[in-house]
């Protein structure tokens, strides 16, 4: 059984890692007209607000950046 980790916790872990590169992970509000273009999550540069990547797979990026262990899984807020 995998250890549950909330989406918010993964988001915070990723932002701590991305800030080292001058980037940040942002969540697009569900009511935003840009949701179809940006996806639920996107990455932007901190200083310029330029969008670097859209439609980010939160769990995939977290595993790629090494902030989620193999024994963890994203779950609904506890």
PDB file of N, CA and C in Angstrom:
ATOM      1  N   UNK A   1       0.837  -1.183   0.000  1.00  0.00           N
ATOM      2  CA  UNK A   1       0.000   0.000   0.000  1.00  0.00           C
ATOM      3  C   UNK A   1       0.886   1.252   0.000  1.00  0.00           C
ATOM      4  N   UNK A   2       0.512   2.199  -0.836  1.00  0.00           N
ATOM      5  CA  UNK A   2       1.309   3.418  -0.932  1.00  0.00           C
ATOM      6  C   UNK A   2       0.883   4.432   0.124  1.00  0.00           C
ATOM      7  N   UNK A   3       1.851   5.217   0.550  1.00  0.00           N
ATOM      8  CA  UNK A   3       1.586   6.263   1.533  1.00  0.00           C
ATOM      9  C   UNK A   3       0.895   7.434   0.825  1.00  0.00           C
ATOM     10  N   UNK A   4      -0.255   7.897   1.340  1.00  0.00           N
ATOM     11  CA  UNK A   4      -0.947   9.012   0.699  1.00  0.00           C
ATOM     12  C   UNK A   4      -0.247  10.347   0.958  1.00  0.00           C
ATOM     13  N   UNK A   5      -0.160  11.155  -0.084  1.00  0.00           N
ATOM     14  CA  UNK A   5       0.412  12.496   0.000  1.00  0.00           C
ATOM     15  C   UNK A   5      -0.583  13.434  -0.666  1.00  0.00           C
ATOM     16  N   UNK A   6      -0.907  14.527  -0.022  1.00  0.00           N
ATOM     17  CA  UNK A   6      -1.900  15.439  -0.594  1.00  0.00           C
ATOM     18  C   UNK A   6      -1.319  16.204  -1.786  1.00  0.00           C
ATOM     19  N   UNK A   7      -2.215  16.654  -2.629  1.00  0.00           N
ATOM     20  CA  UNK A   7      -1.835  17.448  -3.792  1.00  0.00           C
ATOM     21  C   UNK A   7      -1.115  18.725  -3.353  1.00  0.00           C
ATOM     22  N   UNK A   8      -1.606  19.333  -2.286  1.00  0.00           N
ATOM     23  CA  UNK A   8      -0.984  20.549  -1.761  1.00  0.00           C
ATOM     24  C   UNK A   8       0.450  20.297  -1.306  1.00  0.00           C
ATOM     25  N   UNK A   9       0.687  19.175  -0.648  1.00  0.00           N
ATOM     26  CA  UNK A   9       2.035  18.847  -0.186  1.00  0.00           C
ATOM     27  C   UNK A   9       2.987  18.657  -1.365  1.00  0.00           C
ATOM     28  N   UNK A  10       2.522  17.980  -2.403  1.00  0.00           N
ATOM     29  CA  UNK A  10       3.349  17.772  -3.598  1.00  0.00           C
ATOM     30  C   UNK A  10       3.623  19.108  -4.283  1.00  0.00           C
ATOM     31  N   UNK A  11       2.605  19.953  -4.347  1.00  0.00           N
ATOM     32  CA  UNK A  11       2.760  21.284  -4.936  1.00  0.00           C
ATOM     33  C   UNK A  11       3.840  22.064  -4.198  1.00  0.00           C
ATOM     34  N   UNK A  12       3.812  22.039  -2.891  1.00  0.00           N
ATOM     35  CA  UNK A  12       4.809  22.769  -2.084  1.00  0.00           C
ATOM     36  C   UNK A  12       6.212  22.198  -2.266  1.00  0.00           C
ATOM     37  N   UNK A  13       6.310  20.882  -2.298  1.00  0.00           N
ATOM     38  CA  UNK A  13       7.612  20.240  -2.529  1.00  0.00           C
ATOM     39  C   UNK A  13       8.186  20.668  -3.878  1.00  0.00           C
ATOM     40  N   UNK A  14       7.338  20.637  -4.899  1.00  0.00           N
ATOM     41  CA  UNK A  14       7.804  21.011  -6.241  1.00  0.00           C
ATOM     42  C   UNK A  14       8.244  22.470  -6.286  1.00  0.00           C
ATOM     43  N   UNK A  15       7.482  23.343  -5.663  1.00  0.00           N
ATOM     44  CA  UNK A  15       7.855  24.755  -5.696  1.00  0.00           C
ATOM     45  C   UNK A  15       9.176  25.011  -4.990  1.00  0.00           C
ATOM     46  N   UNK A  16       9.442  24.281  -3.928  1.00  0.00           N
ATOM     47  CA  UNK A  16      10.752  24.440  -3.264  1.00  0.00           C
ATOM     48  C   UNK A  16      11.879  24.010  -4.200  1.00  0.00           C
ATOM     49  N   UNK A  17      11.644  22.993  -5.002  1.00  0.00           N
ATOM     50  CA  UNK A  17      12.665  22.522  -5.943  1.00  0.00           C
ATOM     51  C   UNK A  17      12.781  23.472  -7.138  1.00  0.00           C
ATOM     52  N   UNK A  18      11.644  23.919  -7.671  1.00  0.00           N
ATOM     53  CA  UNK A  18      11.658  24.752  -8.873  1.00  0.00           C
ATOM     54  C   UNK A  18      12.217  26.149  -8.623  1.00  0.00           C
ATOM     55  N   UNK A  19      12.078  26.666  -7.406  1.00  0.00           N
ATOM     56  CA  UNK A  19      12.572  28.011  -7.108  1.00  0.00           C
ATOM     57  C   UNK A  19      14.083  28.091  -7.322  1.00  0.00           C
ATOM     58  N   UNK A  20      14.768  26.974  -7.170  1.00  0.00           N
ATOM     59  CA  UNK A  20      16.210  26.936  -7.407  1.00  0.00           C
ATOM     60  C   UNK A  20      16.545  27.228  -8.865  1.00  0.00           C
ATOM     61  N   UNK A  21      15.588  26.956  -9.765  1.00  0.00           N
ATOM     62  CA  UNK A  21      15.770  27.208 -11.202  1.00  0.00           C
ATOM     63  C   UNK A  21      15.129  28.518 -11.636  1.00  0.00           C
ATOM     64  N   UNK A  22      14.553  29.259 -10.689  1.00  0.00           N
ATOM     65  CA  UNK A  22      13.874  30.506 -11.028  1.00  0.00           C
ATOM     66  C   UNK A  22      12.489  30.267 -11.612  1.00  0.00           C
ATOM     67  N   UNK A  23      11.888  29.143 -11.256  1.00  0.00           N
ATOM     68  CA  UNK A  23      10.573  28.777 -11.784  1.00  0.00           C
ATOM     69  C   UNK A  23       9.608  28.518 -10.637  1.00  0.00           C
ATOM     70  N   UNK A  24       8.303  28.504 -10.964  1.00  0.00           N
ATOM     71  CA  UNK A  24       7.298  28.157  -9.958  1.00  0.00           C
ATOM     72  C   UNK A  24       6.150  27.410 -10.623  1.00  0.00           C
ATOM     73  N   UNK A  25       5.523  26.547  -9.859  1.00  0.00           N
ATOM     74  CA  UNK A  25       4.370  25.778 -10.313  1.00  0.00           C
ATOM     75  C   UNK A  25       3.120  26.541  -9.903  1.00  0.00           C
ATOM     76  N   UNK A  26       2.217  26.696 -10.847  1.00  0.00           N
ATOM     77  CA  UNK A  26       0.975  27.405 -10.549  1.00  0.00           C
ATOM     78  C   UNK A  26      -0.212  26.536 -10.924  1.00  0.00           C
ATOM     79  N   UNK A  27      -1.308  26.722 -10.187  1.00  0.00           N
ATOM     80  CA  UNK A  27      -2.535  25.997 -10.481  1.00  0.00           C
ATOM     81  C   UNK A  27      -3.518  26.973 -11.105  1.00  0.00           C
ATOM     82  N   UNK A  28      -4.094  26.571 -12.216  1.00  0.00           N
ATOM     83  CA  UNK A  28      -5.062  27.402 -12.914  1.00  0.00           C
ATOM     84  C   UNK A  28      -6.440  27.183 -12.277  1.00  0.00           C
ATOM     85  N   UNK A  29      -7.137  28.229 -11.901  1.00  0.00           N
ATOM     86  CA  UNK A  29      -8.463  28.056 -11.302  1.00  0.00           C
ATOM     87  C   UNK A  29      -9.421  27.352 -12.266  1.00  0.00           C
ATOM     88  N   UNK A  30     -10.289  26.536 -11.715  1.00  0.00           N
ATOM     89  CA  UNK A  30     -11.237  25.789 -12.532  1.00  0.00           C
ATOM     90  C   UNK A  30     -12.187  26.662 -13.326  1.00  0.00           C
ATOM     91  N   UNK A  31     -12.406  27.885 -12.884  1.00  0.00           N
ATOM     92  CA  UNK A  31     -13.320  28.795 -13.579  1.00  0.00           C
ATOM     93  C   UNK A  31     -12.609  29.689 -14.599  1.00  0.00           C
ATOM     94  N   UNK A  32     -11.310  29.532 -14.744  1.00  0.00           N
ATOM     95  CA  UNK A  32     -10.527  30.388 -15.631  1.00  0.00           C
ATOM     96  C   UNK A  32     -10.805  30.090 -17.098  1.00  0.00           C
ATOM     97  N   UNK A  33     -10.903  31.124 -17.922  1.00  0.00           N
ATOM     98  CA  UNK A  33     -11.063  30.898 -19.362  1.00  0.00           C
ATOM     99  C   UNK A  33      -9.798  30.311 -19.997  1.00  0.00           C
ATOM    100  N   UNK A  34      -8.675  30.346 -19.276  1.00  0.00           N
ATOM    101  CA  UNK A  34      -7.401  29.838 -19.786  1.00  0.00           C
ATOM    102  C   UNK A  34      -7.162  28.376 -19.434  1.00  0.00           C
ATOM    103  N   UNK A  35      -8.087  27.760 -18.704  1.00  0.00           N
ATOM    104  CA  UNK A  35      -7.905  26.391 -18.240  1.00  0.00           C
ATOM    105  C   UNK A  35      -7.623  25.417 -19.382  1.00  0.00           C
ATOM    106  N   UNK A  36      -8.319  25.553 -20.491  1.00  0.00           N
ATOM    107  CA  UNK A  36      -8.107  24.619 -21.610  1.00  0.00           C
ATOM    108  C   UNK A  36      -6.724  24.788 -22.234  1.00  0.00           C
ATOM    109  N   UNK A  37      -6.170  25.985 -22.178  1.00  0.00           N
ATOM    110  CA  UNK A  37      -4.834  26.229 -22.734  1.00  0.00           C
ATOM    111  C   UNK A  37      -3.716  25.871 -21.755  1.00  0.00           C
ATOM    112  N   UNK A  38      -3.901  26.244 -20.499  1.00  0.00           N
ATOM    113  CA  UNK A  38      -2.844  26.057 -19.501  1.00  0.00           C
ATOM    114  C   UNK A  38      -2.890  24.690 -18.835  1.00  0.00           C
ATOM    115  N   UNK A  39      -4.070  24.110 -18.708  1.00  0.00           N
ATOM    116  CA  UNK A  39      -4.226  22.874 -17.963  1.00  0.00           C
ATOM    117  C   UNK A  39      -4.363  23.190 -16.484  1.00  0.00           C
ATOM    118  N   UNK A  40      -4.530  22.159 -15.665  1.00  0.00           N
ATOM    119  CA  UNK A  40      -4.687  22.374 -14.224  1.00  0.00           C
ATOM    120  C   UNK A  40      -3.443  22.997 -13.605  1.00  0.00           C
ATOM    121  N   UNK A  41      -2.275  22.573 -14.074  1.00  0.00           N
ATOM    122  CA  UNK A  41      -1.012  23.099 -13.560  1.00  0.00           C
ATOM    123  C   UNK A  41      -0.136  23.567 -14.709  1.00  0.00           C
ATOM    124  N   UNK A  42       0.624  24.624 -14.457  1.00  0.00           N
ATOM    125  CA  UNK A  42       1.602  25.111 -15.433  1.00  0.00           C
ATOM    126  C   UNK A  42       2.810  25.671 -14.695  1.00  0.00           C
ATOM    127  N   UNK A  43       3.915  25.785 -15.407  1.00  0.00           N
ATOM    128  CA  UNK A  43       5.156  26.301 -14.820  1.00  0.00           C
ATOM    129  C   UNK A  43       5.459  27.661 -15.447  1.00  0.00           C
ATOM    130  N   UNK A  44       5.823  28.615 -14.591  1.00  0.00           N
ATOM    131  CA  UNK A  44       6.162  29.963 -15.051  1.00  0.00           C
ATOM    132  C   UNK A  44       7.494  30.385 -14.453  1.00  0.00           C
ATOM    133  N   UNK A  45       8.163  31.316 -15.146  1.00  0.00           N
ATOM    134  CA  UNK A  45       9.382  31.908 -14.605  1.00  0.00           C
ATOM    135  C   UNK A  45       8.990  32.877 -13.498  1.00  0.00           C
ATOM    136  N   UNK A  46       9.749  32.897 -12.430  1.00  0.00           N
ATOM    137  CA  UNK A  46       9.415  33.745 -11.284  1.00  0.00           C
ATOM    138  C   UNK A  46       9.547  35.225 -11.624  1.00  0.00           C
ATOM    139  N   UNK A  47      10.638  35.615 -12.249  1.00  0.00           N
ATOM    140  CA  UNK A  47      10.904  37.038 -12.489  1.00  0.00           C
ATOM    141  C   UNK A  47      10.074  37.658 -13.598  1.00  0.00           C
ATOM    142  N   UNK A  48       9.772  36.888 -14.637  1.00  0.00           N
ATOM    143  CA  UNK A  48       9.098  37.464 -15.805  1.00  0.00           C
ATOM    144  C   UNK A  48       7.655  37.029 -15.975  1.00  0.00           C
ATOM    145  N   UNK A  49       7.223  36.024 -15.255  1.00  0.00           N
ATOM    146  CA  UNK A  49       5.888  35.431 -15.387  1.00  0.00           C
ATOM    147  C   UNK A  49       5.655  34.786 -16.750  1.00  0.00           C
ATOM    148  N   UNK A  50       6.721  34.557 -17.509  1.00  0.00           N
ATOM    149  CA  UNK A  50       6.576  33.841 -18.779  1.00  0.00           C
ATOM    150  C   UNK A  50       6.220  32.393 -18.500  1.00  0.00           C
ATOM    151  N   UNK A  51       5.289  31.878 -19.269  1.00  0.00           N
ATOM    152  CA  UNK A  51       4.882  30.480 -19.098  1.00  0.00           C
ATOM    153  C   UNK A  51       5.885  29.594 -19.824  1.00  0.00           C
ATOM    154  N   UNK A  52       6.431  28.634 -19.092  1.00  0.00           N
ATOM    155  CA  UNK A  52       7.447  27.737 -19.625  1.00  0.00           C
ATOM    156  C   UNK A  52       6.830  26.442 -20.114  1.00  0.00           C
ATOM    157  N   UNK A  53       5.900  25.906 -19.326  1.00  0.00           N
ATOM    158  CA  UNK A  53       5.301  24.616 -19.657  1.00  0.00           C
ATOM    159  C   UNK A  53       3.837  24.628 -19.243  1.00  0.00           C
ATOM    160  N   UNK A  54       2.975  24.091 -20.096  1.00  0.00           N
ATOM    161  CA  UNK A  54       1.556  23.979 -19.787  1.00  0.00           C
ATOM    162  C   UNK A  54       1.170  22.517 -19.626  1.00  0.00           C
ATOM    163  N   UNK A  55      -0.028  22.291 -19.121  1.00  0.00           N
ATOM    164  CA  UNK A  55      -0.566  20.934 -18.941  1.00  0.00           C
ATOM    165  C   UNK A  55       0.415  20.013 -18.212  1.00  0.00           C
ATOM    166  N   UNK A  56       0.911  20.475 -17.094  1.00  0.00           N
ATOM    167  CA  UNK A  56       1.896  19.723 -16.314  1.00  0.00           C
ATOM    168  C   UNK A  56       1.209  18.564 -15.589  1.00  0.00           C
ATOM    169  N   UNK A  57       1.789  17.386 -15.711  1.00  0.00           N
ATOM    170  CA  UNK A  57       1.349  16.216 -14.947  1.00  0.00           C
ATOM    171  C   UNK A  57       2.028  16.310 -13.583  1.00  0.00           C
ATOM    172  N   UNK A  58       1.241  16.629 -12.560  1.00  0.00           N
ATOM    173  CA  UNK A  58       1.784  16.896 -11.229  1.00  0.00           C
ATOM    174  C   UNK A  58       2.606  15.725 -10.700  1.00  0.00           C
ATOM    175  N   UNK A  59       2.053  14.537 -10.732  1.00  0.00           N
ATOM    176  CA  UNK A  59       2.765  13.374 -10.197  1.00  0.00           C
ATOM    177  C   UNK A  59       3.995  13.040 -11.035  1.00  0.00           C
ATOM    178  N   UNK A  60       3.860  13.114 -12.359  1.00  0.00           N
ATOM    179  CA  UNK A  60       4.993  12.828 -13.240  1.00  0.00           C
ATOM    180  C   UNK A  60       6.155  13.782 -13.002  1.00  0.00           C
ATOM    181  N   UNK A  61       5.850  15.066 -12.888  1.00  0.00           N
ATOM    182  CA  UNK A  61       6.895  16.062 -12.630  1.00  0.00           C
ATOM    183  C   UNK A  61       7.512  15.860 -11.255  1.00  0.00           C
ATOM    184  N   UNK A  62       6.677  15.548 -10.261  1.00  0.00           N
ATOM    185  CA  UNK A  62       7.182  15.335  -8.906  1.00  0.00           C
ATOM    186  C   UNK A  62       8.155  14.160  -8.860  1.00  0.00           C
ATOM    187  N   UNK A  63       7.836  13.111  -9.581  1.00  0.00           N
ATOM    188  CA  UNK A  63       8.742  11.950  -9.613  1.00  0.00           C
ATOM    189  C   UNK A  63      10.019  12.287 -10.392  1.00  0.00           C
ATOM    190  N   UNK A  64       9.882  13.021 -11.489  1.00  0.00           N
ATOM    191  CA  UNK A  64      11.040  13.410 -12.297  1.00  0.00           C
ATOM    192  C   UNK A  64      11.997  14.301 -11.496  1.00  0.00           C
ATOM    193  N   UNK A  65      11.431  15.223 -10.710  1.00  0.00           N
ATOM    194  CA  UNK A  65      12.241  16.136  -9.904  1.00  0.00           C
ATOM    195  C   UNK A  65      12.725  15.495  -8.604  1.00  0.00           C
ATOM    196  N   UNK A  66      12.250  14.293  -8.306  1.00  0.00           N
ATOM    197  CA  UNK A  66      12.706  13.578  -7.117  1.00  0.00           C
ATOM    198  C   UNK A  66      12.084  14.027  -5.812  1.00  0.00           C
ATOM    199  N   UNK A  67      10.911  14.665  -5.876  1.00  0.00           N
ATOM    200  CA  UNK A  67      10.276  15.122  -4.647  1.00  0.00           C
ATOM    201  C   UNK A  67       9.179  14.165  -4.169  1.00  0.00           C
ATOM    202  N   UNK A  68       8.908  13.113  -4.948  1.00  0.00           N
ATOM    203  CA  UNK A  68       7.970  12.060  -4.532  1.00  0.00           C
ATOM    204  C   UNK A  68       8.678  10.727  -4.600  1.00  0.00           C
ATOM    205  N   UNK A  69       8.561   9.945  -3.537  1.00  0.00           N
ATOM    206  CA  UNK A  69       9.192   8.629  -3.498  1.00  0.00           C
ATOM    207  C   UNK A  69       8.293   7.601  -4.173  1.00  0.00           C
ATOM    208  N   UNK A  70       8.865   6.469  -4.525  1.00  0.00           N
ATOM    209  CA  UNK A  70       8.093   5.427  -5.216  1.00  0.00           C
ATOM    210  C   UNK A  70       6.980   4.869  -4.335  1.00  0.00           C
ATOM    211  N   UNK A  71       7.090   4.978  -3.034  1.00  0.00           N
ATOM    212  CA  UNK A  71       6.081   4.462  -2.123  1.00  0.00           C
ATOM    213  C   UNK A  71       4.984   5.448  -1.790  1.00  0.00           C
ATOM    214  N   UNK A  72       4.929   6.567  -2.516  1.00  0.00           N
ATOM    215  CA  UNK A  72       3.920   7.599  -2.257  1.00  0.00           C
ATOM    216  C   UNK A  72       2.974   7.724  -3.444  1.00  0.00           C
ATOM    217  N   UNK A  73       1.754   8.163  -3.148  1.00  0.00           N
ATOM    218  CA  UNK A  73       0.756   8.409  -4.188  1.00  0.00           C
ATOM    219  C   UNK A  73      -0.063   9.634  -3.808  1.00  0.00           C
ATOM    220  N   UNK A  74      -0.395  10.463  -4.807  1.00  0.00           N
ATOM    221  CA  UNK A  74      -1.216  11.635  -4.556  1.00  0.00           C
ATOM    222  C   UNK A  74      -2.638  11.191  -4.264  1.00  0.00           C
ATOM    223  N   UNK A  75      -3.208  11.772  -3.232  1.00  0.00           N
ATOM    224  CA  UNK A  75      -4.567  11.445  -2.835  1.00  0.00           C
ATOM    225  C   UNK A  75      -5.359  12.734  -2.630  1.00  0.00           C
ATOM    226  N   UNK A  76      -6.670  12.581  -2.501  1.00  0.00           N
ATOM    227  CA  UNK A  76      -7.522  13.734  -2.216  1.00  0.00           C
ATOM    228  C   UNK A  76      -7.106  14.328  -0.870  1.00  0.00           C
ATOM    229  N   UNK A  77      -7.431  15.586  -0.671  1.00  0.00           N
ATOM    230  CA  UNK A  77      -7.064  16.253   0.584  1.00  0.00           C
ATOM    231  C   UNK A  77      -7.600  15.457   1.754  1.00  0.00           C
ATOM    232  N   UNK A  78      -6.778  15.307   2.779  1.00  0.00           N
ATOM    233  CA  UNK A  78      -7.150  14.512   3.955  1.00  0.00           C
ATOM    234  C   UNK A  78      -8.010  15.306   4.908  1.00  0.00           C
TER     235      UNK A  78
END
